[in-house]
Structure formats: C-alpha cells, structure tokens
C-alpha atoms as a PDB file:
ATOM      1  CA  MET A   1      -4.353 -32.273  32.056  1.00  0.00           C
ATOM      2  CA  PRO A   2      -1.653 -34.878  31.331  1.00  0.00           C
ATOM      3  CA  ALA A   3       1.803 -33.419  30.726  1.00  0.00           C
ATOM      4  CA  SER A   4       2.020 -34.846  27.200  1.00  0.00           C
ATOM      5  CA  THR A   5      -1.326 -33.337  26.216  1.00  0.00           C
ATOM      6  CA  ARG A   6      -0.316 -29.996  27.677  1.00  0.00           C
ATOM      7  CA  ARG A   7       2.918 -30.009  25.694  1.00  0.00           C
ATOM      8  CA  VAL A   8       1.062 -30.748  22.460  1.00  0.00           C
ATOM      9  CA  ALA A   9      -1.451 -27.957  23.136  1.00  0.00           C
ATOM     10  CA  GLY A  10       1.388 -25.564  23.927  1.00  0.00           C
ATOM     11  CA  ALA A  11       3.214 -26.461  20.723  1.00  0.00           C
ATOM     12  CA  VAL A  12       0.054 -25.888  18.673  1.00  0.00           C
ATOM     13  CA  LEU A  13      -0.536 -22.482  20.296  1.00  0.00           C
ATOM     14  CA  ALA A  14       3.095 -21.539  19.745  1.00  0.00           C
ATOM     15  CA  ALA A  15       2.829 -22.446  16.046  1.00  0.00           C
ATOM     16  CA  MET A  16      -0.384 -20.406  15.706  1.00  0.00           C
ATOM     17  CA  GLY A  17       1.295 -17.467  17.407  1.00  0.00           C
ATOM     18  CA  ILE A  18       4.273 -17.578  15.054  1.00  0.00           C
ATOM     19  CA  ILE A  19       1.975 -17.768  12.002  1.00  0.00           C
ATOM     20  CA  LEU A  20      -0.069 -14.768  13.190  1.00  0.00           C
ATOM     21  CA  LEU A  21       3.093 -12.823  14.020  1.00  0.00           C
ATOM     22  CA  VAL A  22       4.716 -13.461  10.632  1.00  0.00           C
ATOM     23  CA  ALA A  23       1.513 -12.809   8.662  1.00  0.00           C
ATOM     24  CA  GLY A  24       0.757  -9.609  10.570  1.00  0.00           C
ATOM     25  CA  ALA A  25       4.326  -8.333  10.213  1.00  0.00           C
ATOM     26  CA  TRP A  26       4.307  -9.086   6.467  1.00  0.00           C
ATOM     27  CA  ILE A  27       1.059  -7.171   5.955  1.00  0.00           C
ATOM     28  CA  ILE A  28       2.410  -4.245   7.996  1.00  0.00           C
ATOM     29  CA  VAL A  29       5.517  -4.078   5.792  1.00  0.00           C
ATOM     30  CA  THR A  30       3.662  -4.433   2.479  1.00  0.00           C
ATOM     31  CA  LEU A  31       0.808  -2.019   3.271  1.00  0.00           C
ATOM     32  CA  GLY A  32       2.611   0.529   5.434  1.00  0.00           C
ATOM     33  CA  PRO A  33       0.897   2.925   7.894  1.00  0.00           C
ATOM     34  CA  SER A  34      -1.402   4.203   5.135  1.00  0.00           C
ATOM     35  CA  GLY A  35      -2.821   0.721   4.570  1.00  0.00           C
ATOM     36  CA  GLU A  36      -2.253   1.083   0.834  1.00  0.00           C
ATOM     37  CA  ALA A  37      -2.351  -1.854  -1.557  1.00  0.00           C
ATOM     38  CA  ARG A  38      -1.271  -1.148  -5.168  1.00  0.00           C
ATOM     39  CA  PHE A  39      -1.483  -3.441  -8.194  1.00  0.00           C
ATOM     40  CA  SER A  40      -0.385  -2.843 -11.795  1.00  0.00           C
ATOM     41  CA  ALA A  41      -0.293  -4.488 -15.199  1.00  0.00           C
ATOM     42  CA  THR A  42       0.681  -3.395 -18.708  1.00  0.00           C
ATOM     43  CA  SER A  43      -1.473  -4.372 -21.658  1.00  0.00           C
ATOM     44  CA  ASN A  44       0.368  -4.709 -24.949  1.00  0.00           C
ATOM     45  CA  ALA A  45      -2.575  -6.160 -26.858  1.00  0.00           C
ATOM     46  CA  PRO A  46      -4.379  -3.510 -28.925  1.00  0.00           C
ATOM     47  CA  GLY A  47      -7.909  -2.815 -27.765  1.00  0.00           C
ATOM     48  CA  THR A  48      -9.898  -1.635 -24.761  1.00  0.00           C
ATOM     49  CA  VAL A  49      -8.892  -2.414 -21.177  1.00  0.00           C
ATOM     50  CA  VAL A  50     -11.732  -3.506 -18.896  1.00  0.00           C
ATOM     51  CA  VAL A  51     -11.838  -3.673 -15.101  1.00  0.00           C
ATOM     52  CA  PRO A  52     -14.916  -5.791 -14.241  1.00  0.00           C
ATOM     53  CA  SER A  53     -16.980  -5.504 -11.088  1.00  0.00           C
ATOM     54  CA  ASP A  54     -15.425  -8.529  -9.376  1.00  0.00           C
ATOM     55  CA  VAL A  55     -12.150  -6.561  -9.291  1.00  0.00           C
ATOM     56  CA  LEU A  56     -13.376  -2.947  -9.245  1.00  0.00           C
ATOM     57  CA  ASN A  57     -15.821  -3.646  -6.396  1.00  0.00           C
ATOM     58  CA  THR A  58     -13.892  -6.408  -4.651  1.00  0.00           C
ATOM     59  CA  VAL A  59     -13.223  -4.265  -1.533  1.00  0.00           C
ATOM     60  CA  ASP A  60     -15.686  -1.925   0.144  1.00  0.00           C
ATOM     61  CA  VAL A  61     -13.404   1.128  -0.051  1.00  0.00           C
ATOM     62  CA  PRO A  62     -12.822   3.579  -2.926  1.00  0.00           C
ATOM     63  CA  VAL A  63     -10.347   2.425  -5.565  1.00  0.00           C
ATOM     64  CA  HIS A  64      -7.978   4.801  -7.386  1.00  0.00           C
ATOM     65  CA  VAL A  65      -7.492   3.744 -10.999  1.00  0.00           C
ATOM     66  CA  THR A  66      -4.746   5.236 -13.160  1.00  0.00           C
ATOM     67  CA  ALA A  67      -4.138   4.437 -16.816  1.00  0.00           C
ATOM     68  CA  THR A  68      -0.918   5.586 -18.491  1.00  0.00           C
ATOM     69  CA  ARG A  69      -0.113   5.259 -22.188  1.00  0.00           C
ATOM     70  CA  GLY A  70       3.452   4.579 -23.214  1.00  0.00           C
ATOM     71  CA  ASP A  71       3.054   6.678 -26.368  1.00  0.00           C
ATOM     72  CA  GLY A  72       1.637   9.665 -24.486  1.00  0.00           C
ATOM     73  CA  GLY A  73      -1.667   9.561 -26.380  1.00  0.00           C
ATOM     74  CA  ALA A  74      -5.149  10.351 -25.099  1.00  0.00           C
ATOM     75  CA  VAL A  75      -6.711   8.034 -22.546  1.00  0.00           C
ATOM     76  CA  ARG A  76     -10.219   7.988 -21.138  1.00  0.00           C
ATOM     77  CA  LEU A  77     -11.655   6.146 -18.111  1.00  0.00           C
ATOM     78  CA  LEU A  78     -15.386   5.399 -18.014  1.00  0.00           C
ATOM     79  CA  VAL A  79     -17.434   3.714 -15.269  1.00  0.00           C
ATOM     80  CA  GLY A  80     -20.975   2.463 -15.535  1.00  0.00           C
ATOM     81  CA  ALA A  81     -23.316  -0.372 -14.654  1.00  0.00           C
ATOM     82  CA  SER A  82     -21.786  -3.724 -15.592  1.00  0.00           C
ATOM     83  CA  ALA A  83     -24.725  -4.786 -17.758  1.00  0.00           C
ATOM     84  CA  ASP A  84     -24.529  -1.569 -19.791  1.00  0.00           C
ATOM     85  CA  ALA A  85     -20.768  -1.850 -20.186  1.00  0.00           C
ATOM     86  CA  ARG A  86     -21.036  -5.439 -21.433  1.00  0.00           C
ATOM     87  CA  ALA A  87     -23.664  -4.407 -23.972  1.00  0.00           C
ATOM     88  CA  ILE A  88     -21.394  -1.674 -25.321  1.00  0.00           C
ATOM     89  CA  LEU A  89     -18.279  -3.838 -25.480  1.00  0.00           C
ATOM     90  CA  THR A  90     -20.066  -6.742 -27.239  1.00  0.00           C
ATOM     91  CA  THR A  91     -17.312  -8.712 -29.009  1.00  0.00           C
ATOM     92  CA  SER A  92     -14.710  -5.969 -29.472  1.00  0.00           C
ATOM     93  CA  ALA A  93     -11.065  -6.585 -28.562  1.00  0.00           C
ATOM     94  CA  VAL A  94     -10.555  -6.168 -24.825  1.00  0.00           C
ATOM     95  CA  SER A  95      -7.940  -6.947 -22.197  1.00  0.00           C
ATOM     96  CA  THR A  96      -9.812  -7.812 -19.021  1.00  0.00           C
ATOM     97  CA  VAL A  97      -8.298  -7.515 -15.554  1.00  0.00           C
ATOM     98  CA  ASN A  98      -9.158 -10.966 -14.236  1.00  0.00           C
ATOM     99  CA  ALA A  99      -6.944 -11.382 -11.152  1.00  0.00           C
ATOM    100  CA  VAL A 100      -5.293  -9.443  -8.333  1.00  0.00           C
ATOM    101  CA  HIS A 101      -2.058 -10.990  -7.061  1.00  0.00           C
ATOM    102  CA  TYR A 102      -1.173 -10.082  -3.475  1.00  0.00           C
ATOM    103  CA  PRO A 103       1.482  -9.442  -2.230  1.00  0.00           C
ATOM    104  CA  ALA A 104       3.174  -9.497  -5.668  1.00  0.00           C
ATOM    105  CA  GLY A 105       1.306  -6.312  -6.628  1.00  0.00           C
ATOM    106  CA  ARG A 106       0.378  -7.599 -10.070  1.00  0.00           C
ATOM    107  CA  LEU A 107      -2.885  -7.615 -12.026  1.00  0.00           C
ATOM    108  CA  GLY A 108      -3.760 -10.503 -14.309  1.00  0.00           C
ATOM    109  CA  LEU A 109      -4.910  -9.709 -17.848  1.00  0.00           C
ATOM    110  CA  HIS A 110      -6.897 -11.817 -20.301  1.00  0.00           C
ATOM    111  CA  ALA A 111      -7.227 -10.785 -23.958  1.00  0.00           C
ATOM    112  CA  SER A 112     -10.387 -11.681 -25.885  1.00  0.00           C
ATOM    113  CA  GLY A 113     -12.559 -10.555 -28.772  1.00  0.00           C
ATOM    114  CA  ALA A 114     -11.620  -8.812 -31.986  1.00  0.00           C
ATOM    115  CA  GLY A 115     -12.410  -5.573 -33.727  1.00  0.00           C
ATOM    116  CA  ALA A 116     -12.102  -1.940 -32.721  1.00  0.00           C
ATOM    117  CA  LEU A 117     -14.466  -0.250 -30.292  1.00  0.00           C
ATOM    118  CA  GLY A 118     -15.814   3.065 -31.538  1.00  0.00           C
ATOM    119  CA  ASP A 119     -15.977   6.258 -29.517  1.00  0.00           C
ATOM    120  CA  VAL A 120     -18.306   5.339 -26.637  1.00  0.00           C
ATOM    121  CA  SER A 121     -17.532   8.320 -24.396  1.00  0.00           C
ATOM    122  CA  GLY A 122     -20.756  10.051 -25.388  1.00  0.00           C
ATOM    123  CA  ALA A 123     -23.032   7.203 -24.253  1.00  0.00           C
ATOM    124  CA  ASP A 124     -25.377   8.110 -21.407  1.00  0.00           C
ATOM    125  CA  VAL A 125     -24.610   4.950 -19.405  1.00  0.00           C
ATOM    126  CA  TRP A 126     -21.458   6.255 -17.726  1.00  0.00           C
ATOM    127  CA  ARG A 127     -21.665   7.453 -14.127  1.00  0.00           C
ATOM    128  CA  LEU A 128     -18.034   8.566 -13.836  1.00  0.00           C
ATOM    129  CA  ALA A 129     -15.501   9.684 -16.433  1.00  0.00           C
ATOM    130  CA  ALA A 130     -11.991  11.092 -16.618  1.00  0.00           C
ATOM    131  CA  ALA A 131      -9.663  11.870 -19.504  1.00  0.00           C
ATOM    132  CA  GLY A 132      -6.118  13.041 -20.031  1.00  0.00           C
ATOM    133  CA  ALA A 133      -3.144  13.190 -22.356  1.00  0.00           C
ATOM    134  CA  GLY A 134      -0.819  10.325 -21.594  1.00  0.00           C
ATOM    135  CA  SER A 135      -2.435   9.537 -18.257  1.00  0.00           C
ATOM    136  CA  ALA A 136      -5.766   9.778 -16.441  1.00  0.00           C
ATOM    137  CA  THR A 137      -6.924   8.927 -12.918  1.00  0.00           C
ATOM    138  CA  LEU A 138     -10.376   8.227 -11.531  1.00  0.00           C
ATOM    139  CA  VAL A 139     -11.535   7.459  -7.993  1.00  0.00           C
ATOM    140  CA  VAL A 140     -14.386   4.957  -7.954  1.00  0.00           C
ATOM    141  CA  ASP A 141     -16.542   4.669  -4.854  1.00  0.00           C
ATOM    142  CA  GLN A 142     -18.528   1.532  -4.076  1.00  0.00           C
ATOM    143  CA  ALA A 143     -21.942   3.192  -3.771  1.00  0.00           C
ATOM    144  CA  ARG A 144     -23.329   1.893  -7.089  1.00  0.00           C
ATOM    145  CA  ALA A 145     -21.698  -1.542  -7.330  1.00  0.00           C
ATOM    146  CA  PRO A 146     -21.581  -3.693  -9.374  1.00  0.00           C
ATOM    147  CA  GLU A 147     -19.913  -1.476 -11.956  1.00  0.00           C
ATOM    148  CA  THR A 148     -17.345  -1.928 -14.707  1.00  0.00           C
ATOM    149  CA  MET A 149     -14.568   0.401 -15.850  1.00  0.00           C
ATOM    150  CA  VAL A 150     -13.770   0.765 -19.531  1.00  0.00           C
ATOM    151  CA  ILE A 151     -10.438   2.322 -20.509  1.00  0.00           C
ATOM    152  CA  THR A 152     -10.224   3.600 -24.081  1.00  0.00           C
ATOM    153  CA  SER A 153      -8.322   6.127 -26.146  1.00  0.00           C
ATOM    154  CA  GLY A 154     -11.406   8.290 -26.310  1.00  0.00           C
ATOM    155  CA  ASP A 155     -11.843   7.738 -30.039  1.00  0.00           C
ATOM    156  CA  SER A 156     -11.827   4.798 -32.464  1.00  0.00           C
ATOM    157  CA  SER A 157      -8.062   4.149 -32.183  1.00  0.00           C
ATOM    158  CA  ALA A 158      -7.060   1.099 -30.177  1.00  0.00           C
ATOM    159  CA  LEU A 159      -5.092   1.377 -26.968  1.00  0.00           C
ATOM    160  CA  LYS A 160      -1.756  -0.392 -26.708  1.00  0.00           C
ATOM    161  CA  ASP A 161       1.144  -0.277 -24.266  1.00  0.00           C
ATOM    162  CA  VAL A 162      -1.098   1.036 -21.490  1.00  0.00           C
ATOM    163  CA  THR A 163      -0.309   0.487 -17.812  1.00  0.00           C
ATOM    164  CA  VAL A 164      -3.243   0.186 -15.442  1.00  0.00           C
ATOM    165  CA  THR A 165      -2.769   0.701 -11.701  1.00  0.00           C
ATOM    166  CA  LEU A 166      -5.404   0.004  -9.056  1.00  0.00           C
ATOM    167  CA  THR A 167      -4.863   1.296  -5.530  1.00  0.00           C
ATOM    168  CA  TRP A 168      -6.928   0.589  -2.440  1.00  0.00           C
ATOM    169  CA  ALA A 169      -6.136   2.345   0.860  1.00  0.00           C
ATOM    170  CA  ASN A 170      -7.624   1.730   4.303  1.00  0.00           C
ATOM    171  CA  HIS A 171      -5.880   2.770   7.533  1.00  0.00           C
ATOM    172  CA  ALA A 172      -7.842   0.089   9.395  1.00  0.00           C
ATOM    173  CA  TRP A 173      -5.937  -2.661   7.529  1.00  0.00           C
ATOM    174  CA  PHE A 174      -2.659  -1.482   9.069  1.00  0.00           C
ATOM    175  CA  PHE A 175      -4.058  -1.514  12.602  1.00  0.00           C
ATOM    176  CA  GLU A 176      -5.727  -4.887  12.065  1.00  0.00           C
ATOM    177  CA  ALA A 177      -2.379  -6.297  10.925  1.00  0.00           C
ATOM    178  CA  LEU A 178      -0.689  -4.708  13.943  1.00  0.00           C
ATOM    179  CA  ALA A 179      -3.256  -6.334  16.246  1.00  0.00           C
ATOM    180  CA  MET A 180      -2.694  -9.681  14.500  1.00  0.00           C
ATOM    181  CA  ALA A 181       1.082  -9.457  14.955  1.00  0.00           C
ATOM    182  CA  THR A 182       0.699  -8.432  18.606  1.00  0.00           C
ATOM    183  CA  LEU A 183      -1.676 -11.302  19.340  1.00  0.00           C
ATOM    184  CA  GLY A 184       0.698 -13.714  17.622  1.00  0.00           C
ATOM    185  CA  ALA A 185       3.644 -12.465  19.674  1.00  0.00           C
ATOM    186  CA  VAL A 186       1.692 -12.804  22.940  1.00  0.00           C
ATOM    187  CA  LEU A 187       0.546 -16.329  22.053  1.00  0.00           C
ATOM    188  CA  ALA A 188       4.040 -17.412  21.056  1.00  0.00           C
ATOM    189  CA  VAL A 189       5.704 -15.992  24.194  1.00  0.00           C
ATOM    190  CA  PHE A 190       3.031 -17.435  26.497  1.00  0.00           C
ATOM    191  CA  SER A 191       3.208 -20.866  24.855  1.00  0.00           C
ATOM    192  CA  PHE A 192       7.007 -21.079  24.833  1.00  0.00           C
ATOM    193  CA  ASN A 193       7.104 -19.953  28.449  1.00  0.00           C
ATOM    194  CA  ASP A 194       4.537 -22.580  29.420  1.00  0.00           C
ATOM    195  CA  LEU A 195       6.464 -25.269  27.530  1.00  0.00           C
ATOM    196  CA  TRP A 196       9.707 -24.216  29.224  1.00  0.00           C
ATOM    197  CA  GLN A 197       8.165 -24.262  32.685  1.00  0.00           C
ATOM    198  CA  GLY A 198       6.565 -27.621  31.982  1.00  0.00           C
ATOM    199  CA  ARG A 199       9.904 -29.022  30.828  1.00  0.00           C
ATOM    200  CA  ALA A 200      11.639 -27.617  33.908  1.00  0.00           C
ATOM    201  CA  GLY A 201       8.969 -29.162  36.131  1.00  0.00           C
ATOM    202  CA  ASP A 202       9.480 -32.540  34.459  1.00  0.00           C
ATOM    203  CA  VAL A 203      13.236 -32.320  35.058  1.00  0.00           C
ATOM    204  CA  HIS A 204      12.755 -31.428  38.723  1.00  0.00           C
ATOM    205  CA  GLY A 205      10.301 -34.287  39.084  1.00  0.00           C
ATOM    206  CA  GLU A 206      12.753 -36.747  37.566  1.00  0.00           C
ATOM    207  CA  VAL A 207      15.538 -35.555  39.884  1.00  0.00           C
ATOM    208  CA  ALA A 208      13.312 -35.871  42.951  1.00  0.00           C
ATOM    209  CA  GLU A 209      12.217 -39.361  41.890  1.00  0.00           C
ATOM    210  CA  THR A 210      15.842 -40.432  41.435  1.00  0.00           C
ATOM    211  CA  LYS A 211      16.789 -39.183  44.908  1.00  0.00           C
ATOM    212  CA  THR A 212      13.808 -41.007  46.479  1.00  0.00           C
ATOM    213  CA  THR A 213      14.752 -44.247  44.732  1.00  0.00           C
ATOM    214  CA  ARG A 214      18.360 -44.035  45.938  1.00  0.00           C
ATOM    215  CA  ALA A 215      17.238 -43.312  49.509  1.00  0.00           C
ATOM    216  CA  ALA A 216      14.970 -46.348  49.503  1.00  0.00           C
ATOM    217  CA  VAL A 217      17.828 -48.565  48.332  1.00  0.00           C
END
C-alpha cells in the first residue's frame, strides 16, 4: 500500500476511534451504571396528558411513568390499546408527548383539541391503572404494544401544572457504551501509533537517501 494511502486510512481510523470513544464516554456519563434514561416535561395547558405508543413503546424495555401535580390534586394514569384510547379522547383538550430529546432529558409536548374529558377511569378498555394524591407512578411493560397512556385527574376536572417523567433503564446500555468507548480507544491508539511509525519510517528513509546522494557526489 502506498505511504500516502496508508496515512489517509490511518487518519480515517483515528477519527472513527475518537468519535466512538467520545460517544461511548458521553453515554456512560449520562446513563450511569444503571443504564437509566430519564425525560420530563411540565404541561401548563389545562386538559388530559397523553403518551402515545410511538413514545410509550419506543424501547423494548419497561417504562416507568410518573405524573405529579403542582397543586397536589388527584392524578390517575391509565393504559390501554391505542385505538381504544383515541376513541375515548375524541376531540377533548390534550397535551400529547410528541418527542423525546436525548441527552437533554426533555419531553416535547403538543397541545390540541378543546373541551373537558369526563371521568373515563371506569371504562373497560384499560389494561393498567394507577392513582394517587399529588403523584402517581405506573410501570408499563411492552407485552401488549402498541398502547397509549392517558393521564387525567380521575374526574371531570382538567389537569394543569402536571409534570410527566418517563424513565427507561437497561443495564445492557451501559455495557454497550463501555464496549463502544473501549473499541474507540483501541482504534485511536492503534491508528496514531501506525501513523507515528509511518512518519518515522519516512524520516529515516529521507535521511538514508540524503546520505546516499552525498556519497555518490
């Protein structure tokens, strides 16, 4: 392989190694040994908060959902088939979680609809439910996806000033990030070492060529 081509290949591998090392290290720091990713948002618009299936079921591990009301009032979390949830919500006022921002740890919210949603806790479409005063938490597995979570006050009053937190945890993510960082470090060290040795070889070659030329003269 020509020396110039080898240097280019080494530089590319070194850059890839640095990228993998930085990305892996960043994930390790943000997730920690528990492999926990947490995202939150506060809805100030009155109405129901909805976590659709493309967020609730986005990762194939259980998700812990916590809803906390600023006024300490009742809060209820309900999970059911997405089609059933949409039929119940119809055109009522909702704040939908429509984005997950990593590594910022934020959830995006989109307000739509109008009108209060009545007490839907008694409907037979819900597979999981949890309720509490001021705060409630529910762990949603992925066995029945796609599903939608509906967060209400438990009666006809509209929610407002409610903070929703979604947490996913998977120990494997930490070890995958560790493997990524290790691979990146190995690639970077190997590539820089190869580039250094190649540069040293070029210098030695130039010195030897200079000596040969002087001897011939």
